[in-house]
Amino acid sequence: MSADDDIENLTRIPLFAIFETRALRKLAFSSETRLFRAGDTLFRKGEESDGGYILAMGSIGLLPHDDGASPKHIVHPWALIGEAALVAPSLRPVTARAMEPTTTLKIGRLLFHQILEQHPATAARTRDFFRERLINFTRGAVSTLAREG
């Protein structure tokens, strides 16, 4: 796959669809490619986050408990796992395990912040993206509380 293909695939992820081309290029070239065998763990629930993963090939199961149970959700290529971890430290809310041979791009938080510092237009779009996510989350939470209330 060419660099242009990688960049085009990154735009399938909502957060990266708003990135400038130069910012996407930096992301594609600076991310760490990681290969996992079926059953390998990317991270465990409760671990400190240090960034996110873009699933490029394979599938990843998200497990609410690390007890060997079946995954609650299966993620397929060109999805971002750990979006919030790109912005701020947090604890991983689930365990992520490769369901088959899997390739990811690891984006460290430091790299993500460097890209935003070097590309102010991308930083502004990213701020707006997360602001909208927070507004929608808050509306949903208020709506849920009103229904339960």
C-alpha atoms as a PDB file:
ATOM      1  CA  MET A   1       0.000   0.000   0.000  1.00  0.00           C
ATOM      2  CA  SER A   2       1.333   3.443  -0.893  1.00  0.00           C
ATOM      3  CA  ALA A   3       1.622   6.459   1.398  1.00  0.00           C
ATOM      4  CA  ASP A   4      -1.228   8.094  -0.511  1.00  0.00           C
ATOM      5  CA  ASP A   5      -3.400   5.020   0.147  1.00  0.00           C
ATOM      6  CA  ASP A   6      -2.554   5.211   3.869  1.00  0.00           C
ATOM      7  CA  ILE A   7      -3.485   8.890   3.951  1.00  0.00           C
ATOM      8  CA  GLU A   8      -6.741   8.237   2.095  1.00  0.00           C
ATOM      9  CA  ASN A   9      -7.593   5.426   4.520  1.00  0.00           C
ATOM     10  CA  LEU A  10      -6.911   7.704   7.496  1.00  0.00           C
ATOM     11  CA  THR A  11      -9.593  10.076   6.218  1.00  0.00           C
ATOM     12  CA  ARG A  12     -12.144   7.273   6.751  1.00  0.00           C
ATOM     13  CA  ILE A  13     -11.755   7.959  10.485  1.00  0.00           C
ATOM     14  CA  PRO A  14     -13.916  10.953  11.483  1.00  0.00           C
ATOM     15  CA  LEU A  15     -11.236  12.651  13.608  1.00  0.00           C
ATOM     16  CA  PHE A  16      -8.633  12.441  10.853  1.00  0.00           C
ATOM     17  CA  ALA A  17     -11.029  13.377   8.050  1.00  0.00           C
ATOM     18  CA  ILE A  18     -10.704  16.984   9.280  1.00  0.00           C
ATOM     19  CA  PHE A  19      -6.886  16.987   9.246  1.00  0.00           C
ATOM     20  CA  GLU A  20      -4.889  18.948   6.700  1.00  0.00           C
ATOM     21  CA  THR A  21      -3.027  16.738   4.208  1.00  0.00           C
ATOM     22  CA  ARG A  22       0.381  17.673   5.658  1.00  0.00           C
ATOM     23  CA  ALA A  23      -0.824  16.758   9.159  1.00  0.00           C
ATOM     24  CA  LEU A  24      -2.116  13.408   7.876  1.00  0.00           C
ATOM     25  CA  ARG A  25       1.191  12.750   6.136  1.00  0.00           C
ATOM     26  CA  LYS A  26       3.075  13.409   9.389  1.00  0.00           C
ATOM     27  CA  LEU A  27       0.653  11.127  11.246  1.00  0.00           C
ATOM     28  CA  ALA A  28       1.061   8.324   8.697  1.00  0.00           C
ATOM     29  CA  PHE A  29       4.863   8.513   8.602  1.00  0.00           C
ATOM     30  CA  SER A  30       5.424   9.033  12.336  1.00  0.00           C
ATOM     31  CA  SER A  31       3.013   6.460  13.745  1.00  0.00           C
ATOM     32  CA  GLU A  32       4.464   3.191  14.966  1.00  0.00           C
ATOM     33  CA  THR A  33       3.334   0.105  13.053  1.00  0.00           C
ATOM     34  CA  ARG A  34       2.556  -2.758  15.418  1.00  0.00           C
ATOM     35  CA  LEU A  35       1.816  -6.346  14.437  1.00  0.00           C
ATOM     36  CA  PHE A  36      -0.240  -8.649  16.659  1.00  0.00           C
ATOM     37  CA  ARG A  37      -0.985 -12.365  16.464  1.00  0.00           C
ATOM     38  CA  ALA A  38      -4.473 -13.694  17.163  1.00  0.00           C
ATOM     39  CA  GLY A  39      -4.982 -13.542  20.933  1.00  0.00           C
ATOM     40  CA  ASP A  40      -2.325 -10.880  21.602  1.00  0.00           C
ATOM     41  CA  THR A  41      -3.378  -8.058  23.914  1.00  0.00           C
ATOM     42  CA  LEU A  42      -2.953  -4.442  22.777  1.00  0.00           C
ATOM     43  CA  PHE A  43      -3.776  -3.100  26.237  1.00  0.00           C
ATOM     44  CA  ARG A  44      -5.633  -4.132  29.392  1.00  0.00           C
ATOM     45  CA  LYS A  45      -8.530  -2.543  31.216  1.00  0.00           C
ATOM     46  CA  GLY A  46      -7.254  -0.197  33.932  1.00  0.00           C
ATOM     47  CA  GLU A  47      -3.854   0.470  32.331  1.00  0.00           C
ATOM     48  CA  GLU A  48      -2.721   4.065  31.923  1.00  0.00           C
ATOM     49  CA  SER A  49      -3.301   5.220  28.347  1.00  0.00           C
ATOM     50  CA  ASP A  50      -0.501   6.749  26.304  1.00  0.00           C
ATOM     51  CA  GLY A  51      -2.236   7.217  22.955  1.00  0.00           C
ATOM     52  CA  GLY A  52      -4.511   5.578  20.436  1.00  0.00           C
ATOM     53  CA  TYR A  53      -4.451   2.804  17.864  1.00  0.00           C
ATOM     54  CA  ILE A  54      -5.628   2.891  14.271  1.00  0.00           C
ATOM     55  CA  LEU A  55      -6.683  -0.547  13.126  1.00  0.00           C
ATOM     56  CA  ALA A  56      -5.255  -1.009   9.623  1.00  0.00           C
ATOM     57  CA  MET A  57      -5.783  -4.757   9.125  1.00  0.00           C
ATOM     58  CA  GLY A  58      -7.433  -7.565  11.082  1.00  0.00           C
ATOM     59  CA  SER A  59      -9.917  -7.197  13.917  1.00  0.00           C
ATOM     60  CA  ILE A  60      -9.771  -6.294  17.582  1.00  0.00           C
ATOM     61  CA  GLY A  61     -12.159  -7.443  20.290  1.00  0.00           C
ATOM     62  CA  LEU A  62     -13.020  -5.039  23.104  1.00  0.00           C
ATOM     63  CA  LEU A  63     -13.629  -6.858  26.368  1.00  0.00           C
ATOM     64  CA  PRO A  64     -15.165  -5.166  29.428  1.00  0.00           C
ATOM     65  CA  HIS A  65     -13.382  -7.688  31.671  1.00  0.00           C
ATOM     66  CA  ASP A  66     -10.120  -9.521  31.174  1.00  0.00           C
ATOM     67  CA  ASP A  67     -11.677 -12.860  32.129  1.00  0.00           C
ATOM     68  CA  GLY A  68     -11.542 -14.729  28.823  1.00  0.00           C
ATOM     69  CA  ALA A  69     -15.164 -13.951  27.964  1.00  0.00           C
ATOM     70  CA  SER A  70     -16.221 -13.121  24.415  1.00  0.00           C
ATOM     71  CA  PRO A  71     -15.712  -9.527  23.295  1.00  0.00           C
ATOM     72  CA  LYS A  72     -18.622  -7.108  23.673  1.00  0.00           C
ATOM     73  CA  HIS A  73     -17.605  -5.317  20.503  1.00  0.00           C
ATOM     74  CA  ILE A  74     -15.378  -6.157  17.527  1.00  0.00           C
ATOM     75  CA  VAL A  75     -13.555  -3.357  15.722  1.00  0.00           C
ATOM     76  CA  HIS A  76     -12.712  -3.588  12.030  1.00  0.00           C
ATOM     77  CA  PRO A  77     -10.150  -1.769   9.852  1.00  0.00           C
ATOM     78  CA  TRP A  78      -9.839   1.957   9.724  1.00  0.00           C
ATOM     79  CA  ALA A  79     -11.218   2.555  13.161  1.00  0.00           C
ATOM     80  CA  LEU A  80      -9.565   4.537  15.935  1.00  0.00           C
ATOM     81  CA  ILE A  81      -9.325   2.948  19.367  1.00  0.00           C
ATOM     82  CA  GLY A  82      -8.497   5.261  22.257  1.00  0.00           C
ATOM     83  CA  GLU A  83      -9.546   8.585  20.754  1.00  0.00           C
ATOM     84  CA  ALA A  84      -9.711  10.316  24.158  1.00  0.00           C
ATOM     85  CA  ALA A  85      -6.273   8.951  25.057  1.00  0.00           C
ATOM     86  CA  LEU A  86      -4.804  11.090  22.274  1.00  0.00           C
ATOM     87  CA  VAL A  87      -5.867  14.196  24.177  1.00  0.00           C
ATOM     88  CA  ALA A  88      -5.353  13.385  27.857  1.00  0.00           C
ATOM     89  CA  PRO A  89      -4.146  10.599  30.143  1.00  0.00           C
ATOM     90  CA  SER A  90      -6.819   8.197  31.313  1.00  0.00           C
ATOM     91  CA  LEU A  91      -7.252   4.601  32.331  1.00  0.00           C
ATOM     92  CA  ARG A  92      -8.198   2.138  29.615  1.00  0.00           C
ATOM     93  CA  PRO A  93     -11.915   1.301  30.012  1.00  0.00           C
ATOM     94  CA  VAL A  94     -11.654  -2.105  28.282  1.00  0.00           C
ATOM     95  CA  THR A  95      -9.146  -4.749  27.285  1.00  0.00           C
ATOM     96  CA  ALA A  96      -8.316  -4.818  23.565  1.00  0.00           C
ATOM     97  CA  ARG A  97      -7.299  -8.150  22.043  1.00  0.00           C
ATOM     98  CA  ALA A  98      -6.421  -9.120  18.464  1.00  0.00           C
ATOM     99  CA  MET A  99      -8.999 -11.563  17.113  1.00  0.00           C
ATOM    100  CA  GLU A 100      -6.792 -12.543  14.164  1.00  0.00           C
ATOM    101  CA  PRO A 101      -3.409 -11.402  12.803  1.00  0.00           C
ATOM    102  CA  THR A 102      -3.723  -7.634  13.108  1.00  0.00           C
ATOM    103  CA  THR A 103      -1.806  -4.524  12.095  1.00  0.00           C
ATOM    104  CA  THR A 104      -2.215  -1.215  13.900  1.00  0.00           C
ATOM    105  CA  LEU A 105      -0.687   2.224  13.784  1.00  0.00           C
ATOM    106  CA  LYS A 106       0.115   3.401  17.304  1.00  0.00           C
ATOM    107  CA  ILE A 107      -0.260   7.150  17.781  1.00  0.00           C
ATOM    108  CA  GLY A 108       1.397   8.373  20.932  1.00  0.00           C
ATOM    109  CA  ARG A 109      -0.153  11.334  22.722  1.00  0.00           C
ATOM    110  CA  LEU A 110       3.074  13.318  22.327  1.00  0.00           C
ATOM    111  CA  LEU A 111       3.034  12.805  18.537  1.00  0.00           C
ATOM    112  CA  PHE A 112      -0.635  13.826  18.349  1.00  0.00           C
ATOM    113  CA  HIS A 113       0.057  17.030  20.309  1.00  0.00           C
ATOM    114  CA  GLN A 114       3.127  17.803  18.166  1.00  0.00           C
ATOM    115  CA  ILE A 115       1.029  17.519  15.008  1.00  0.00           C
ATOM    116  CA  LEU A 116      -1.558  19.893  16.459  1.00  0.00           C
ATOM    117  CA  GLU A 117       1.157  22.393  17.442  1.00  0.00           C
ATOM    118  CA  GLN A 118       2.683  22.290  13.945  1.00  0.00           C
ATOM    119  CA  HIS A 119      -0.671  22.589  12.150  1.00  0.00           C
ATOM    120  CA  PRO A 120      -2.840  25.299  13.756  1.00  0.00           C
ATOM    121  CA  ALA A 121      -5.767  24.859  11.334  1.00  0.00           C
ATOM    122  CA  THR A 122      -5.889  21.157  12.177  1.00  0.00           C
ATOM    123  CA  ALA A 123      -5.692  22.034  15.872  1.00  0.00           C
ATOM    124  CA  ALA A 124      -8.680  24.395  15.551  1.00  0.00           C
ATOM    125  CA  ARG A 125     -10.708  21.761  13.684  1.00  0.00           C
ATOM    126  CA  THR A 126      -9.763  19.155  16.296  1.00  0.00           C
ATOM    127  CA  ARG A 127     -10.866  21.461  19.121  1.00  0.00           C
ATOM    128  CA  ASP A 128     -14.233  21.933  17.376  1.00  0.00           C
ATOM    129  CA  PHE A 129     -14.521  18.183  16.768  1.00  0.00           C
ATOM    130  CA  PHE A 130     -14.072  17.363  20.459  1.00  0.00           C
ATOM    131  CA  ARG A 131     -16.321  20.257  21.519  1.00  0.00           C
ATOM    132  CA  GLU A 132     -19.141  18.800  19.367  1.00  0.00           C
ATOM    133  CA  ARG A 133     -18.509  15.337  20.801  1.00  0.00           C
ATOM    134  CA  LEU A 134     -18.761  16.721  24.336  1.00  0.00           C
ATOM    135  CA  ILE A 135     -21.936  18.672  23.565  1.00  0.00           C
ATOM    136  CA  ASN A 136     -23.571  15.597  22.011  1.00  0.00           C
ATOM    137  CA  PHE A 137     -22.481  13.413  24.935  1.00  0.00           C
ATOM    138  CA  THR A 138     -23.897  15.907  27.433  1.00  0.00           C
ATOM    139  CA  ARG A 139     -27.210  16.140  25.551  1.00  0.00           C
ATOM    140  CA  GLY A 140     -27.464  12.374  25.488  1.00  0.00           C
ATOM    141  CA  ALA A 141     -26.715  12.088  29.195  1.00  0.00           C
ATOM    142  CA  VAL A 142     -29.302  14.755  30.066  1.00  0.00           C
ATOM    143  CA  SER A 143     -31.877  13.041  27.843  1.00  0.00           C
ATOM    144  CA  THR A 144     -31.194   9.678  29.496  1.00  0.00           C
ATOM    145  CA  LEU A 145     -31.514  11.184  32.984  1.00  0.00           C
ATOM    146  CA  ALA A 146     -34.784  12.905  32.019  1.00  0.00           C
ATOM    147  CA  ARG A 147     -36.241   9.579  30.803  1.00  0.00           C
ATOM    148  CA  GLU A 148     -35.143   7.774  33.961  1.00  0.00           C
ATOM    149  CA  GLY A 149     -36.154  10.632  36.275  1.00  0.00           C
END
